[in-house]
Amino acid sequence: MSARGLRNTVKDYEAGILVPPRNIDTLAEAIIKMITDRELRERLSANAISQSKNFDWDRTSHRMLTNLRSAVNSKSEKIPFGT
């Protein structure tokens, strides 16, 4: 399904199959394709597992802290001290 957040995370036919919301026919076609195409199913599954490793808590929190530090450092350079 093509939920808002998934469109930015899952690339169509790389780690999943995206379908438009409320489109039952396209969803049914995607499900049938996954059931009947073993090679596609295995490739998408392997890619999804590999991609999911980018979203573990340690990596996510490290990236967030790095971005926050960068933002704070950038702002502190532009704001005169003591204001």
Protein backbone atom coordinates (compact mmCIF):
# COMPACT_ATOMS: atom_id res chain seq x y z
CA MET A 1 0.00 0.00 0.00
CA SER A 2 1.23 3.48 -0.75
CA ALA A 3 0.88 5.13 2.65
CA ARG A 4 2.43 8.60 2.98
CA GLY A 5 5.53 7.53 4.92
CA LEU A 6 6.11 4.42 2.87
CA ARG A 7 6.46 6.32 -0.41
CA ASN A 8 9.58 7.94 1.04
CA THR A 9 10.97 4.70 2.46
CA VAL A 10 9.97 1.87 0.14
CA LYS A 11 10.95 2.10 -3.51
CA ASP A 12 8.43 0.42 -5.77
CA TYR A 13 9.56 -3.05 -6.85
CA GLU A 14 12.79 -2.77 -4.84
CA ALA A 15 11.64 -3.54 -1.29
CA GLY A 16 7.91 -3.78 -1.85
CA ILE A 17 5.09 -3.00 -4.23
CA LEU A 18 3.38 0.34 -3.80
CA VAL A 19 -0.28 0.67 -4.74
CA PRO A 20 -2.52 3.72 -4.64
CA PRO A 21 -4.74 4.02 -1.55
CA ARG A 22 -8.23 2.57 -1.88
CA ASN A 23 -7.39 0.88 -5.20
CA ILE A 24 -8.59 -2.64 -4.53
CA ASP A 25 -7.91 -3.93 -8.05
CA THR A 26 -4.28 -2.81 -8.03
CA LEU A 27 -3.83 -4.18 -4.50
CA ALA A 28 -5.26 -7.54 -5.60
CA GLU A 29 -2.92 -7.60 -8.62
CA ALA A 30 0.08 -6.87 -6.37
CA ILE A 31 -0.90 -9.63 -3.94
CA ILE A 32 -1.37 -12.14 -6.76
CA LYS A 33 1.97 -11.11 -8.26
CA MET A 34 3.70 -11.68 -4.90
CA ILE A 35 2.04 -15.08 -4.48
CA THR A 36 2.80 -16.31 -8.00
CA ASP A 37 6.25 -14.82 -8.67
CA ARG A 38 8.68 -16.53 -6.32
CA GLU A 39 11.76 -14.72 -7.68
CA LEU A 40 10.11 -11.31 -7.20
CA ARG A 41 8.92 -12.25 -3.71
CA GLU A 42 12.40 -13.41 -2.64
CA ARG A 43 14.12 -10.34 -4.14
CA LEU A 44 11.72 -7.89 -2.50
CA SER A 45 12.00 -9.75 0.80
CA ALA A 46 15.81 -9.72 0.77
CA ASN A 47 15.88 -6.03 -0.16
CA ALA A 48 13.36 -5.14 2.56
CA ILE A 49 15.37 -6.99 5.21
CA SER A 50 18.56 -5.27 4.06
CA GLN A 51 16.88 -1.85 3.96
CA SER A 52 15.32 -2.32 7.41
CA LYS A 53 18.79 -2.39 8.96
CA ASN A 54 19.01 1.36 8.27
CA PHE A 55 16.19 1.95 10.72
CA ASP A 56 17.48 0.44 13.94
CA TRP A 57 17.38 2.59 17.07
CA ASP A 58 21.17 3.08 17.36
CA ARG A 59 21.56 4.38 13.79
CA THR A 60 18.44 6.52 13.95
CA SER A 61 19.35 8.12 17.28
CA HIS A 62 22.95 8.71 16.14
CA ARG A 63 21.75 10.46 12.96
CA MET A 64 19.29 12.52 14.95
CA LEU A 65 21.93 13.64 17.46
CA THR A 66 24.37 14.46 14.67
CA ASN A 67 21.75 16.58 12.91
CA LEU A 68 20.77 18.34 16.15
CA ARG A 69 24.40 19.12 16.99
CA SER A 70 24.96 20.46 13.51
CA ALA A 71 21.87 22.66 13.74
CA VAL A 72 22.85 23.98 17.17
CA ASN A 73 26.41 24.70 16.04
CA SER A 74 25.17 26.41 12.90
CA LYS A 75 22.74 28.60 14.87
CA SER A 76 25.25 29.46 17.59
CA GLU A 77 27.72 30.74 14.97
CA LYS A 78 25.09 33.14 13.61
CA ILE A 79 23.76 34.41 16.95
CA PRO A 80 25.99 36.88 18.81
CA PHE A 81 26.98 35.57 22.24
CA GLY A 82 24.95 37.00 25.12
CA THR A 83 21.77 37.77 23.21
